[in-house]
Amino acid sequence: MEAKAQARYVRVTPQKARRVVNEVRGKAALEAADILRFAPQAVAVDVRKVLLSAVANAKVKAEQVGETFNEAELEILEAYVDEGPTMKRFRPRAQGRAGRILKRTSHITIVVGTKEDKKKGDR
C-alpha cells in the first residue's frame, strides 16, 4: 500500500529542508521518525509531521481496501523538497538604498509504501 503526504508553503529554505530529507530517504518509516525526533534542525519537526501523516494515510488506505496494515513494513519510497514561492521583502540600507530580502518557502513531499510497492515501481 503506497501513500503520500505533502506540506506546502513551509517557511524554510529548500536547501535546509533537503539536508534533513536526505538523511531519512530510503529508511524504514518508524526508524526515520525516530531519527527526525532527535535531529537538531528546526525543519525536522515539519518533515516528521509529513512522514507521520503519510503513515496515517497508508493506514486509512489499507482499511478502505480491507488489507492488513503493519507500520513496521513501511519504508520511505520517495522523499523530496521542491521550491515554493519566494516572498520578497526590502530592508533599508545605507545612503537611501533598499536591500532585497528573499524569504523562501518549500513544498515537502514524502511517499511511503512496502517493499512490494518499491519493486512494482522499479519495473
PDB file of N, CA and C in Angstrom:
ATOM      1  N   MET A   1       0.846  -1.178   0.000  1.00  0.00           N
ATOM      2  CA  MET A   1       0.000   0.000   0.000  1.00  0.00           C
ATOM      3  C   MET A   1       0.890   1.241   0.000  1.00  0.00           C
ATOM      4  N   GLU A   2       0.733   2.062  -1.006  1.00  0.00           N
ATOM      5  CA  GLU A   2       1.535   3.277  -1.145  1.00  0.00           C
ATOM      6  C   GLU A   2       0.690   4.488  -0.768  1.00  0.00           C
ATOM      7  N   ALA A   3       1.262   5.391   0.014  1.00  0.00           N
ATOM      8  CA  ALA A   3       0.533   6.598   0.436  1.00  0.00           C
ATOM      9  C   ALA A   3       1.483   7.784   0.412  1.00  0.00           C
ATOM     10  N   LYS A   4       0.886   8.963   0.235  1.00  0.00           N
ATOM     11  CA  LYS A   4       1.674  10.182   0.057  1.00  0.00           C
ATOM     12  C   LYS A   4       1.157  11.271   0.984  1.00  0.00           C
ATOM     13  N   ALA A   5       2.062  12.146   1.412  1.00  0.00           N
ATOM     14  CA  ALA A   5       1.678  13.322   2.201  1.00  0.00           C
ATOM     15  C   ALA A   5       2.562  14.478   1.772  1.00  0.00           C
ATOM     16  N   GLN A   6       1.983  15.679   1.811  1.00  0.00           N
ATOM     17  CA  GLN A   6       2.694  16.889   1.418  1.00  0.00           C
ATOM     18  C   GLN A   6       2.488  17.989   2.442  1.00  0.00           C
ATOM     19  N   ALA A   7       3.517  18.785   2.631  1.00  0.00           N
ATOM     20  CA  ALA A   7       3.384  20.031   3.385  1.00  0.00           C
ATOM     21  C   ALA A   7       3.809  21.124   2.422  1.00  0.00           C
ATOM     22  N   ARG A   8       2.918  22.046   2.157  1.00  0.00           N
ATOM     23  CA  ARG A   8       3.219  23.088   1.187  1.00  0.00           C
ATOM     24  C   ARG A   8       3.408  24.429   1.891  1.00  0.00           C
ATOM     25  N   TYR A   9       4.195  25.273   1.284  1.00  0.00           N
ATOM     26  CA  TYR A   9       4.478  26.630   1.773  1.00  0.00           C
ATOM     27  C   TYR A   9       5.107  26.636   3.169  1.00  0.00           C
ATOM     28  N   VAL A  10       5.980  25.691   3.436  1.00  0.00           N
ATOM     29  CA  VAL A  10       6.695  25.640   4.714  1.00  0.00           C
ATOM     30  C   VAL A  10       7.762  26.731   4.683  1.00  0.00           C
ATOM     31  N   ARG A  11       7.813  27.560   5.726  1.00  0.00           N
ATOM     32  CA  ARG A  11       8.709  28.706   5.733  1.00  0.00           C
ATOM     33  C   ARG A  11      10.135  28.312   6.126  1.00  0.00           C
ATOM     34  N   VAL A  12      10.762  27.567   5.247  1.00  0.00           N
ATOM     35  CA  VAL A  12      12.163  27.197   5.414  1.00  0.00           C
ATOM     36  C   VAL A  12      12.749  27.096   4.009  1.00  0.00           C
ATOM     37  N   THR A  13      14.032  27.389   3.871  1.00  0.00           N
ATOM     38  CA  THR A  13      14.624  27.322   2.540  1.00  0.00           C
ATOM     39  C   THR A  13      14.705  25.863   2.089  1.00  0.00           C
ATOM     40  N   PRO A  14      14.525  25.611   0.803  1.00  0.00           N
ATOM     41  CA  PRO A  14      14.599  24.233   0.306  1.00  0.00           C
ATOM     42  C   PRO A  14      15.947  23.576   0.596  1.00  0.00           C
ATOM     43  N   GLN A  15      17.020  24.353   0.554  1.00  0.00           N
ATOM     44  CA  GLN A  15      18.345  23.800   0.807  1.00  0.00           C
ATOM     45  C   GLN A  15      18.446  23.224   2.222  1.00  0.00           C
ATOM     46  N   LYS A  16      17.905  23.930   3.193  1.00  0.00           N
ATOM     47  CA  LYS A  16      17.944  23.455   4.583  1.00  0.00           C
ATOM     48  C   LYS A  16      17.046  22.236   4.764  1.00  0.00           C
ATOM     49  N   ALA A  17      15.883  22.246   4.101  1.00  0.00           N
ATOM     50  CA  ALA A  17      14.960  21.119   4.218  1.00  0.00           C
ATOM     51  C   ALA A  17      15.537  19.873   3.554  1.00  0.00           C
ATOM     52  N   ARG A  18      16.236  20.036   2.434  1.00  0.00           N
ATOM     53  CA  ARG A  18      16.809  18.886   1.720  1.00  0.00           C
ATOM     54  C   ARG A  18      17.863  18.188   2.558  1.00  0.00           C
ATOM     55  N   ARG A  19      18.619  18.949   3.359  1.00  0.00           N
ATOM     56  CA  ARG A  19      19.621  18.331   4.244  1.00  0.00           C
ATOM     57  C   ARG A  19      18.988  17.303   5.154  1.00  0.00           C
ATOM     58  N   VAL A  20      17.818  17.629   5.685  1.00  0.00           N
ATOM     59  CA  VAL A  20      17.135  16.738   6.620  1.00  0.00           C
ATOM     60  C   VAL A  20      16.475  15.574   5.872  1.00  0.00           C
ATOM     61  N   VAL A  21      15.820  15.863   4.755  1.00  0.00           N
ATOM     62  CA  VAL A  21      15.117  14.829   3.992  1.00  0.00           C
ATOM     63  C   VAL A  21      16.103  13.795   3.450  1.00  0.00           C
ATOM     64  N   ASN A  22      17.305  14.230   3.058  1.00  0.00           N
ATOM     65  CA  ASN A  22      18.312  13.296   2.545  1.00  0.00           C
ATOM     66  C   ASN A  22      18.748  12.283   3.602  1.00  0.00           C
ATOM     67  N   GLU A  23      18.661  12.655   4.869  1.00  0.00           N
ATOM     68  CA  GLU A  23      19.055  11.749   5.953  1.00  0.00           C
ATOM     69  C   GLU A  23      18.098  10.566   6.100  1.00  0.00           C
ATOM     70  N   VAL A  24      16.814  10.762   5.771  1.00  0.00           N
ATOM     71  CA  VAL A  24      15.829   9.708   6.031  1.00  0.00           C
ATOM     72  C   VAL A  24      15.367   8.993   4.760  1.00  0.00           C
ATOM     73  N   ARG A  25      15.762   9.466   3.596  1.00  0.00           N
ATOM     74  CA  ARG A  25      15.310   8.864   2.344  1.00  0.00           C
ATOM     75  C   ARG A  25      15.737   7.396   2.272  1.00  0.00           C
ATOM     76  N   GLY A  26      14.772   6.501   1.968  1.00  0.00           N
ATOM     77  CA  GLY A  26      15.064   5.080   1.814  1.00  0.00           C
ATOM     78  C   GLY A  26      15.023   4.277   3.104  1.00  0.00           C
ATOM     79  N   LYS A  27      14.863   4.920   4.236  1.00  0.00           N
ATOM     80  CA  LYS A  27      14.834   4.205   5.521  1.00  0.00           C
ATOM     81  C   LYS A  27      13.426   3.717   5.846  1.00  0.00           C
ATOM     82  N   ALA A  28      13.326   2.860   6.842  1.00  0.00           N
ATOM     83  CA  ALA A  28      12.027   2.423   7.348  1.00  0.00           C
ATOM     84  C   ALA A  28      11.320   3.623   7.977  1.00  0.00           C
ATOM     85  N   ALA A  29      10.003   3.675   7.849  1.00  0.00           N
ATOM     86  CA  ALA A  29       9.254   4.859   8.279  1.00  0.00           C
ATOM     87  C   ALA A  29       9.403   5.117   9.778  1.00  0.00           C
ATOM     88  N   LEU A  30       9.302   4.077  10.591  1.00  0.00           N
ATOM     89  CA  LEU A  30       9.400   4.270  12.039  1.00  0.00           C
ATOM     90  C   LEU A  30      10.818   4.661  12.464  1.00  0.00           C
ATOM     91  N   GLU A  31      11.818   4.081  11.805  1.00  0.00           N
ATOM     92  CA  GLU A  31      13.214   4.443  12.086  1.00  0.00           C
ATOM     93  C   GLU A  31      13.465   5.904  11.708  1.00  0.00           C
ATOM     94  N   ALA A  32      12.916   6.323  10.583  1.00  0.00           N
ATOM     95  CA  ALA A  32      13.075   7.708  10.133  1.00  0.00           C
ATOM     96  C   ALA A  32      12.408   8.678  11.104  1.00  0.00           C
ATOM     97  N   ALA A  33      11.241   8.301  11.635  1.00  0.00           N
ATOM     98  CA  ALA A  33      10.551   9.156  12.602  1.00  0.00           C
ATOM     99  C   ALA A  33      11.403   9.340  13.859  1.00  0.00           C
ATOM    100  N   ASP A  34      12.079   8.272  14.285  1.00  0.00           N
ATOM    101  CA  ASP A  34      12.956   8.375  15.451  1.00  0.00           C
ATOM    102  C   ASP A  34      14.160   9.271  15.164  1.00  0.00           C
ATOM    103  N   ILE A  35      14.728   9.141  13.971  1.00  0.00           N
ATOM    104  CA  ILE A  35      15.864   9.982  13.585  1.00  0.00           C
ATOM    105  C   ILE A  35      15.449  11.453  13.593  1.00  0.00           C
ATOM    106  N   LEU A  36      14.272  11.727  13.036  1.00  0.00           N
ATOM    107  CA  LEU A  36      13.802  13.108  12.948  1.00  0.00           C
ATOM    108  C   LEU A  36      13.459  13.689  14.319  1.00  0.00           C
ATOM    109  N   ARG A  37      13.014  12.846  15.226  1.00  0.00           N
ATOM    110  CA  ARG A  37      12.659  13.337  16.565  1.00  0.00           C
ATOM    111  C   ARG A  37      13.875  13.956  17.253  1.00  0.00           C
ATOM    112  N   PHE A  38      15.063  13.385  17.009  1.00  0.00           N
ATOM    113  CA  PHE A  38      16.261  13.859  17.702  1.00  0.00           C
ATOM    114  C   PHE A  38      17.182  14.683  16.814  1.00  0.00           C
ATOM    115  N   ALA A  39      16.769  15.006  15.613  1.00  0.00           N
ATOM    116  CA  ALA A  39      17.589  15.836  14.730  1.00  0.00           C
ATOM    117  C   ALA A  39      17.593  17.273  15.248  1.00  0.00           C
ATOM    118  N   PRO A  40      18.734  17.933  15.233  1.00  0.00           N
ATOM    119  CA  PRO A  40      18.812  19.282  15.783  1.00  0.00           C
ATOM    120  C   PRO A  40      18.200  20.371  14.905  1.00  0.00           C
ATOM    121  N   GLN A  41      17.984  20.093  13.623  1.00  0.00           N
ATOM    122  CA  GLN A  41      17.463  21.111  12.715  1.00  0.00           C
ATOM    123  C   GLN A  41      15.992  21.388  13.009  1.00  0.00           C
ATOM    124  N   ALA A  42      15.595  22.631  12.890  1.00  0.00           N
ATOM    125  CA  ALA A  42      14.217  23.023  13.180  1.00  0.00           C
ATOM    126  C   ALA A  42      13.234  22.413  12.181  1.00  0.00           C
ATOM    127  N   VAL A  43      13.640  22.258  10.933  1.00  0.00           N
ATOM    128  CA  VAL A  43      12.743  21.734   9.906  1.00  0.00           C
ATOM    129  C   VAL A  43      12.439  20.255  10.129  1.00  0.00           C
ATOM    130  N   ALA A  44      13.208  19.569  10.972  1.00  0.00           N
ATOM    131  CA  ALA A  44      12.967  18.154  11.238  1.00  0.00           C
ATOM    132  C   ALA A  44      11.570  17.941  11.818  1.00  0.00           C
ATOM    133  N   VAL A  45      11.052  18.915  12.547  1.00  0.00           N
ATOM    134  CA  VAL A  45       9.696  18.823  13.107  1.00  0.00           C
ATOM    135  C   VAL A  45       8.676  18.761  11.978  1.00  0.00           C
ATOM    136  N   ASP A  46       8.824  19.625  10.985  1.00  0.00           N
ATOM    137  CA  ASP A  46       7.896  19.640   9.854  1.00  0.00           C
ATOM    138  C   ASP A  46       8.003  18.367   9.020  1.00  0.00           C
ATOM    139  N   VAL A  47       9.218  17.907   8.778  1.00  0.00           N
ATOM    140  CA  VAL A  47       9.421  16.693   7.986  1.00  0.00           C
ATOM    141  C   VAL A  47       8.818  15.491   8.713  1.00  0.00           C
ATOM    142  N   ARG A  48       8.982  15.450  10.035  1.00  0.00           N
ATOM    143  CA  ARG A  48       8.419  14.339  10.817  1.00  0.00           C
ATOM    144  C   ARG A  48       6.894  14.346  10.752  1.00  0.00           C
ATOM    145  N   LYS A  49       6.289  15.525  10.802  1.00  0.00           N
ATOM    146  CA  LYS A  49       4.835  15.621  10.701  1.00  0.00           C
ATOM    147  C   LYS A  49       4.350  15.092   9.355  1.00  0.00           C
ATOM    148  N   VAL A  50       5.064  15.423   8.290  1.00  0.00           N
ATOM    149  CA  VAL A  50       4.686  14.944   6.962  1.00  0.00           C
ATOM    150  C   VAL A  50       4.825  13.423   6.901  1.00  0.00           C
ATOM    151  N   LEU A  51       5.917  12.897   7.464  1.00  0.00           N
ATOM    152  CA  LEU A  51       6.138  11.447   7.472  1.00  0.00           C
ATOM    153  C   LEU A  51       5.031  10.718   8.221  1.00  0.00           C
ATOM    154  N   LEU A  52       4.682  11.201   9.407  1.00  0.00           N
ATOM    155  CA  LEU A  52       3.636  10.549  10.192  1.00  0.00           C
ATOM    156  C   LEU A  52       2.274  10.683   9.512  1.00  0.00           C
ATOM    157  N   SER A  53       2.056  11.769   8.796  1.00  0.00           N
ATOM    158  CA  SER A  53       0.828  11.940   8.029  1.00  0.00           C
ATOM    159  C   SER A  53       0.748  10.917   6.901  1.00  0.00           C
ATOM    160  N   ALA A  54       1.874  10.670   6.234  1.00  0.00           N
ATOM    161  CA  ALA A  54       1.909   9.674   5.166  1.00  0.00           C
ATOM    162  C   ALA A  54       1.634   8.278   5.711  1.00  0.00           C
ATOM    163  N   VAL A  55       2.158   7.978   6.902  1.00  0.00           N
ATOM    164  CA  VAL A  55       1.902   6.683   7.532  1.00  0.00           C
ATOM    165  C   VAL A  55       0.415   6.548   7.874  1.00  0.00           C
ATOM    166  N   ALA A  56      -0.180   7.619   8.401  1.00  0.00           N
ATOM    167  CA  ALA A  56      -1.608   7.604   8.721  1.00  0.00           C
ATOM    168  C   ALA A  56      -2.443   7.449   7.451  1.00  0.00           C
ATOM    169  N   ASN A  57      -2.020   8.109   6.355  1.00  0.00           N
ATOM    170  CA  ASN A  57      -2.726   7.967   5.081  1.00  0.00           C
ATOM    171  C   ASN A  57      -2.669   6.532   4.578  1.00  0.00           C
ATOM    172  N   ALA A  58      -1.529   5.870   4.770  1.00  0.00           N
ATOM    173  CA  ALA A  58      -1.385   4.470   4.358  1.00  0.00           C
ATOM    174  C   ALA A  58      -2.320   3.576   5.173  1.00  0.00           C
ATOM    175  N   LYS A  59      -2.449   3.887   6.470  1.00  0.00           N
ATOM    176  CA  LYS A  59      -3.333   3.100   7.334  1.00  0.00           C
ATOM    177  C   LYS A  59      -4.784   3.228   6.878  1.00  0.00           C
ATOM    178  N   VAL A  60      -5.223   4.451   6.600  1.00  0.00           N
ATOM    179  CA  VAL A  60      -6.595   4.686   6.145  1.00  0.00           C
ATOM    180  C   VAL A  60      -6.835   3.996   4.808  1.00  0.00           C
ATOM    181  N   LYS A  61      -5.864   4.096   3.911  1.00  0.00           N
ATOM    182  CA  LYS A  61      -5.980   3.468   2.595  1.00  0.00           C
ATOM    183  C   LYS A  61      -6.111   1.949   2.722  1.00  0.00           C
ATOM    184  N   ALA A  62      -5.323   1.358   3.620  1.00  0.00           N
ATOM    185  CA  ALA A  62      -5.366  -0.087   3.825  1.00  0.00           C
ATOM    186  C   ALA A  62      -6.712  -0.518   4.419  1.00  0.00           C
ATOM    187  N   GLU A  63      -7.246   0.274   5.340  1.00  0.00           N
ATOM    188  CA  GLU A  63      -8.540  -0.052   5.944  1.00  0.00           C
ATOM    189  C   GLU A  63      -9.662   0.026   4.923  1.00  0.00           C
ATOM    190  N   GLN A  64      -9.590   0.985   4.006  1.00  0.00           N
ATOM    191  CA  GLN A  64     -10.625   1.118   2.982  1.00  0.00           C
ATOM    192  C   GLN A  64     -10.643  -0.075   2.038  1.00  0.00           C
ATOM    193  N   VAL A  65      -9.458  -0.578   1.706  1.00  0.00           N
ATOM    194  CA  VAL A  65      -9.352  -1.717   0.792  1.00  0.00           C
ATOM    195  C   VAL A  65      -9.585  -3.030   1.524  1.00  0.00           C
ATOM    196  N   GLY A  66      -9.352  -3.044   2.832  1.00  0.00           N
ATOM    197  CA  GLY A  66      -9.542  -4.249   3.633  1.00  0.00           C
ATOM    198  C   GLY A  66      -8.278  -5.076   3.770  1.00  0.00           C
ATOM    199  N   GLU A  67      -7.132  -4.483   3.537  1.00  0.00           N
ATOM    200  CA  GLU A  67      -5.860  -5.186   3.685  1.00  0.00           C
ATOM    201  C   GLU A  67      -5.374  -5.074   5.125  1.00  0.00           C
ATOM    202  N   THR A  68      -4.473  -5.989   5.498  1.00  0.00           N
ATOM    203  CA  THR A  68      -3.853  -5.893   6.815  1.00  0.00           C
ATOM    204  C   THR A  68      -2.793  -4.795   6.757  1.00  0.00           C
ATOM    205  N   PHE A  69      -2.635  -4.101   7.879  1.00  0.00           N
ATOM    206  CA  PHE A  69      -1.704  -2.971   7.913  1.00  0.00           C
ATOM    207  C   PHE A  69      -0.693  -3.179   9.020  1.00  0.00           C
ATOM    208  N   ASN A  70       0.581  -3.033   8.669  1.00  0.00           N
ATOM    209  CA  ASN A  70       1.658  -3.127   9.648  1.00  0.00           C
ATOM    210  C   ASN A  70       2.614  -1.955   9.422  1.00  0.00           C
ATOM    211  N   GLU A  71       2.674  -1.051  10.393  1.00  0.00           N
ATOM    212  CA  GLU A  71       3.527   0.135  10.265  1.00  0.00           C
ATOM    213  C   GLU A  71       4.996  -0.224  10.103  1.00  0.00           C
ATOM    214  N   ALA A  72       5.415  -1.328  10.707  1.00  0.00           N
ATOM    215  CA  ALA A  72       6.827  -1.711  10.679  1.00  0.00           C
ATOM    216  C   ALA A  72       7.304  -2.067   9.274  1.00  0.00           C
ATOM    217  N   GLU A  73       6.391  -2.433   8.370  1.00  0.00           N
ATOM    218  CA  GLU A  73       6.770  -2.801   6.996  1.00  0.00           C
ATOM    219  C   GLU A  73       6.943  -1.590   6.089  1.00  0.00           C
ATOM    220  N   LEU A  74       6.457  -0.429   6.513  1.00  0.00           N
ATOM    221  CA  LEU A  74       6.501   0.753   5.651  1.00  0.00           C
ATOM    222  C   LEU A  74       7.915   1.314   5.533  1.00  0.00           C
ATOM    223  N   GLU A  75       8.257   1.706   4.302  1.00  0.00           N
ATOM    224  CA  GLU A  75       9.527   2.360   4.021  1.00  0.00           C
ATOM    225  C   GLU A  75       9.254   3.675   3.302  1.00  0.00           C
ATOM    226  N   ILE A  76      10.224   4.554   3.333  1.00  0.00           N
ATOM    227  CA  ILE A  76      10.099   5.796   2.579  1.00  0.00           C
ATOM    228  C   ILE A  76      10.542   5.501   1.148  1.00  0.00           C
ATOM    229  N   LEU A  77       9.588   5.479   0.225  1.00  0.00           N
ATOM    230  CA  LEU A  77       9.889   5.199  -1.179  1.00  0.00           C
ATOM    231  C   LEU A  77      10.413   6.439  -1.886  1.00  0.00           C
ATOM    232  N   GLU A  78       9.795   7.583  -1.610  1.00  0.00           N
ATOM    233  CA  GLU A  78      10.214   8.852  -2.207  1.00  0.00           C
ATOM    234  C   GLU A  78      10.176   9.929  -1.132  1.00  0.00           C
ATOM    235  N   ALA A  79      11.132  10.814  -1.174  1.00  0.00           N
ATOM    236  CA  ALA A  79      11.135  11.971  -0.275  1.00  0.00           C
ATOM    237  C   ALA A  79      11.876  13.080  -0.992  1.00  0.00           C
ATOM    238  N   TYR A  80      11.190  14.184  -1.215  1.00  0.00           N
ATOM    239  CA  TYR A  80      11.838  15.283  -1.912  1.00  0.00           C
ATOM    240  C   TYR A  80      11.269  16.617  -1.458  1.00  0.00           C
ATOM    241  N   VAL A  81      12.049  17.663  -1.731  1.00  0.00           N
ATOM    242  CA  VAL A  81      11.683  19.026  -1.357  1.00  0.00           C
ATOM    243  C   VAL A  81      11.725  19.881  -2.610  1.00  0.00           C
ATOM    244  N   ASP A  82      10.613  20.502  -2.933  1.00  0.00           N
ATOM    245  CA  ASP A  82      10.548  21.421  -4.064  1.00  0.00           C
ATOM    246  C   ASP A  82      10.508  22.851  -3.544  1.00  0.00           C
ATOM    247  N   GLU A  83      10.910  23.761  -4.408  1.00  0.00           N
ATOM    248  CA  GLU A  83      10.916  25.169  -4.031  1.00  0.00           C
ATOM    249  C   GLU A  83       9.523  25.752  -4.193  1.00  0.00           C
ATOM    250  N   GLY A  84       9.053  26.450  -3.175  1.00  0.00           N
ATOM    251  CA  GLY A  84       7.770  27.134  -3.236  1.00  0.00           C
ATOM    252  C   GLY A  84       7.973  28.581  -3.647  1.00  0.00           C
ATOM    253  N   PRO A  85       6.928  29.381  -3.569  1.00  0.00           N
ATOM    254  CA  PRO A  85       7.075  30.791  -3.929  1.00  0.00           C
ATOM    255  C   PRO A  85       7.970  31.534  -2.935  1.00  0.00           C
ATOM    256  N   THR A  86       8.653  32.519  -3.427  1.00  0.00           N
ATOM    257  CA  THR A  86       9.557  33.318  -2.597  1.00  0.00           C
ATOM    258  C   THR A  86       8.904  34.653  -2.279  1.00  0.00           C
ATOM    259  N   MET A  87       8.851  34.992  -0.998  1.00  0.00           N
ATOM    260  CA  MET A  87       8.331  36.298  -0.596  1.00  0.00           C
ATOM    261  C   MET A  87       9.472  37.306  -0.656  1.00  0.00           C
ATOM    262  N   LYS A  88       9.229  38.416  -1.316  1.00  0.00           N
ATOM    263  CA  LYS A  88      10.262  39.434  -1.462  1.00  0.00           C
ATOM    264  C   LYS A  88       9.989  40.582  -0.498  1.00  0.00           C
ATOM    265  N   ARG A  89      10.996  40.893   0.306  1.00  0.00           N
ATOM    266  CA  ARG A  89      10.887  41.966   1.280  1.00  0.00           C
ATOM    267  C   ARG A  89      12.063  42.904   1.092  1.00  0.00           C
ATOM    268  N   PHE A  90      11.956  44.130   1.610  1.00  0.00           N
ATOM    269  CA  PHE A  90      13.031  45.104   1.468  1.00  0.00           C
ATOM    270  C   PHE A  90      13.451  45.618   2.829  1.00  0.00           C
ATOM    271  N   ARG A  91      14.756  45.833   2.964  1.00  0.00           N
ATOM    272  CA  ARG A  91      15.316  46.348   4.202  1.00  0.00           C
ATOM    273  C   ARG A  91      16.097  47.614   3.860  1.00  0.00           C
ATOM    274  N   PRO A  92      15.921  48.665   4.648  1.00  0.00           N
ATOM    275  CA  PRO A  92      16.666  49.901   4.376  1.00  0.00           C
ATOM    276  C   PRO A  92      18.174  49.679   4.527  1.00  0.00           C
ATOM    277  N   ARG A  93      18.924  50.238   3.588  1.00  0.00           N
ATOM    278  CA  ARG A  93      20.382  50.153   3.622  1.00  0.00           C
ATOM    279  C   ARG A  93      20.960  51.567   3.619  1.00  0.00           C
ATOM    280  N   ALA A  94      22.237  51.663   3.574  1.00  0.00           N
ATOM    281  CA  ALA A  94      22.919  52.957   3.640  1.00  0.00           C
ATOM    282  C   ALA A  94      22.628  53.818   2.409  1.00  0.00           C
ATOM    283  N   GLN A  95      22.650  55.128   2.608  1.00  0.00           N
ATOM    284  CA  GLN A  95      22.511  56.125   1.552  1.00  0.00           C
ATOM    285  C   GLN A  95      21.188  56.011   0.794  1.00  0.00           C
ATOM    286  N   GLY A  96      20.137  55.663   1.497  1.00  0.00           N
ATOM    287  CA  GLY A  96      18.805  55.643   0.904  1.00  0.00           C
ATOM    288  C   GLY A  96      18.513  54.464   0.002  1.00  0.00           C
ATOM    289  N   ARG A  97      19.380  53.500  -0.018  1.00  0.00           N
ATOM    290  CA  ARG A  97      19.147  52.319  -0.855  1.00  0.00           C
ATOM    291  C   ARG A  97      18.259  51.318  -0.123  1.00  0.00           C
ATOM    292  N   ALA A  98      17.767  50.323  -0.869  1.00  0.00           N
ATOM    293  CA  ALA A  98      16.969  49.249  -0.281  1.00  0.00           C
ATOM    294  C   ALA A  98      17.626  47.921  -0.631  1.00  0.00           C
ATOM    295  N   GLY A  99      17.785  47.080   0.370  1.00  0.00           N
ATOM    296  CA  GLY A  99      18.349  45.743   0.140  1.00  0.00           C
ATOM    297  C   GLY A  99      17.224  44.728   0.086  1.00  0.00           C
ATOM    298  N   ARG A 100      17.281  43.849  -0.887  1.00  0.00           N
ATOM    299  CA  ARG A 100      16.219  42.857  -1.054  1.00  0.00           C
ATOM    300  C   ARG A 100      16.466  41.657  -0.140  1.00  0.00           C
ATOM    301  N   ILE A 101      15.418  41.213   0.507  1.00  0.00           N
ATOM    302  CA  ILE A 101      15.468  40.009   1.337  1.00  0.00           C
ATOM    303  C   ILE A 101      14.511  39.008   0.719  1.00  0.00           C
ATOM    304  N   LEU A 102      14.996  37.777   0.492  1.00  0.00           N
ATOM    305  CA  LEU A 102      14.175  36.720  -0.091  1.00  0.00           C
ATOM    306  C   LEU A 102      13.807  35.732   0.998  1.00  0.00           C
ATOM    307  N   LYS A 103      12.517  35.628   1.272  1.00  0.00           N
ATOM    308  CA  LYS A 103      12.034  34.668   2.271  1.00  0.00           C
ATOM    309  C   LYS A 103      11.493  33.471   1.504  1.00  0.00           C
ATOM    310  N   ARG A 104      12.282  32.428   1.464  1.00  0.00           N
ATOM    311  CA  ARG A 104      11.966  31.271   0.634  1.00  0.00           C
ATOM    312  C   ARG A 104      11.009  30.304   1.347  1.00  0.00           C
ATOM    313  N   THR A 105      10.236  29.565   0.541  1.00  0.00           N
ATOM    314  CA  THR A 105       9.335  28.548   1.074  1.00  0.00           C
ATOM    315  C   THR A 105       9.612  27.223   0.376  1.00  0.00           C
ATOM    316  N   SER A 106       9.130  26.142   0.979  1.00  0.00           N
ATOM    317  CA  SER A 106       9.367  24.795   0.462  1.00  0.00           C
ATOM    318  C   SER A 106       8.076  24.001   0.420  1.00  0.00           C
ATOM    319  N   HIS A 107       8.046  23.034  -0.484  1.00  0.00           N
ATOM    320  CA  HIS A 107       6.989  22.030  -0.520  1.00  0.00           C
ATOM    321  C   HIS A 107       7.668  20.690  -0.219  1.00  0.00           C
ATOM    322  N   ILE A 108       7.307  20.071   0.902  1.00  0.00           N
ATOM    323  CA  ILE A 108       7.925  18.807   1.315  1.00  0.00           C
ATOM    324  C   ILE A 108       6.965  17.671   0.974  1.00  0.00           C
ATOM    325  N   THR A 109       7.447  16.656   0.248  1.00  0.00           N
ATOM    326  CA  THR A 109       6.625  15.515  -0.153  1.00  0.00           C
ATOM    327  C   THR A 109       7.301  14.228   0.281  1.00  0.00           C
ATOM    328  N   ILE A 110       6.516  13.330   0.888  1.00  0.00           N
ATOM    329  CA  ILE A 110       7.020  12.019   1.292  1.00  0.00           C
ATOM    330  C   ILE A 110       6.022  10.958   0.847  1.00  0.00           C
ATOM    331  N   VAL A 111       6.537   9.900   0.199  1.00  0.00           N
ATOM    332  CA  VAL A 111       5.720   8.761  -0.224  1.00  0.00           C
ATOM    333  C   VAL A 111       6.224   7.538   0.529  1.00  0.00           C
ATOM    334  N   VAL A 112       5.314   6.860   1.234  1.00  0.00           N
ATOM    335  CA  VAL A 112       5.676   5.640   1.957  1.00  0.00           C
ATOM    336  C   VAL A 112       4.972   4.446   1.329  1.00  0.00           C
ATOM    337  N   GLY A 113       5.572   3.286   1.487  1.00  0.00           N
ATOM    338  CA  GLY A 113       4.975   2.061   0.964  1.00  0.00           C
ATOM    339  C   GLY A 113       5.774   0.860   1.433  1.00  0.00           C
ATOM    340  N   THR A 114       5.347  -0.324   0.982  1.00  0.00           N
ATOM    341  CA  THR A 114       6.029  -1.554   1.366  1.00  0.00           C
ATOM    342  C   THR A 114       7.079  -1.906   0.322  1.00  0.00           C
ATOM    343  N   LYS A 115       7.834  -2.983   0.587  1.00  0.00           N
ATOM    344  CA  LYS A 115       8.882  -3.402  -0.341  1.00  0.00           C
ATOM    345  C   LYS A 115       8.293  -3.849  -1.674  1.00  0.00           C
ATOM    346  N   GLU A 116       7.080  -4.425  -1.653  1.00  0.00           N
ATOM    347  CA  GLU A 116       6.444  -4.842  -2.907  1.00  0.00           C
ATOM    348  C   GLU A 116       6.146  -3.625  -3.784  1.00  0.00           C
ATOM    349  N   ASP A 117       5.735  -2.524  -3.151  1.00  0.00           N
ATOM    350  CA  ASP A 117       5.473  -1.293  -3.909  1.00  0.00           C
ATOM    351  C   ASP A 117       6.742  -0.782  -4.570  1.00  0.00           C
ATOM    352  N   LYS A 118       7.873  -0.936  -3.870  1.00  0.00           N
ATOM    353  CA  LYS A 118       9.155  -0.481  -4.413  1.00  0.00           C
ATOM    354  C   LYS A 118       9.512  -1.298  -5.661  1.00  0.00           C
ATOM    355  N   LYS A 119       9.269  -2.604  -5.599  1.00  0.00           N
ATOM    356  CA  LYS A 119       9.576  -3.477  -6.738  1.00  0.00           C
ATOM    357  C   LYS A 119       8.677  -3.160  -7.926  1.00  0.00           C
ATOM    358  N   LYS A 120       7.399  -2.864  -7.668  1.00  0.00           N
ATOM    359  CA  LYS A 120       6.479  -2.516  -8.756  1.00  0.00           C
ATOM    360  C   LYS A 120       6.914  -1.225  -9.450  1.00  0.00           C
ATOM    361  N   GLY A 121       7.427  -0.285  -8.671  1.00  0.00           N
ATOM    362  CA  GLY A 121       7.860   0.989  -9.223  1.00  0.00           C
ATOM    363  C   GLY A 121       9.139   0.865 -10.052  1.00  0.00           C
ATOM    364  N   ASP A 122       9.963  -0.157  -9.779  1.00  0.00           N
ATOM    365  CA  ASP A 122      11.228  -0.332 -10.496  1.00  0.00           C
ATOM    366  C   ASP A 122      11.031  -0.886 -11.904  1.00  0.00           C
ATOM    367  N   ARG A 123       9.933  -1.568 -12.136  1.00  0.00           N
ATOM    368  CA  ARG A 123       9.719  -2.225 -13.430  1.00  0.00           C
ATOM    369  C   ARG A 123       9.512  -1.266 -14.542  1.00  0.00           C
TER     370      ARG A 123
END
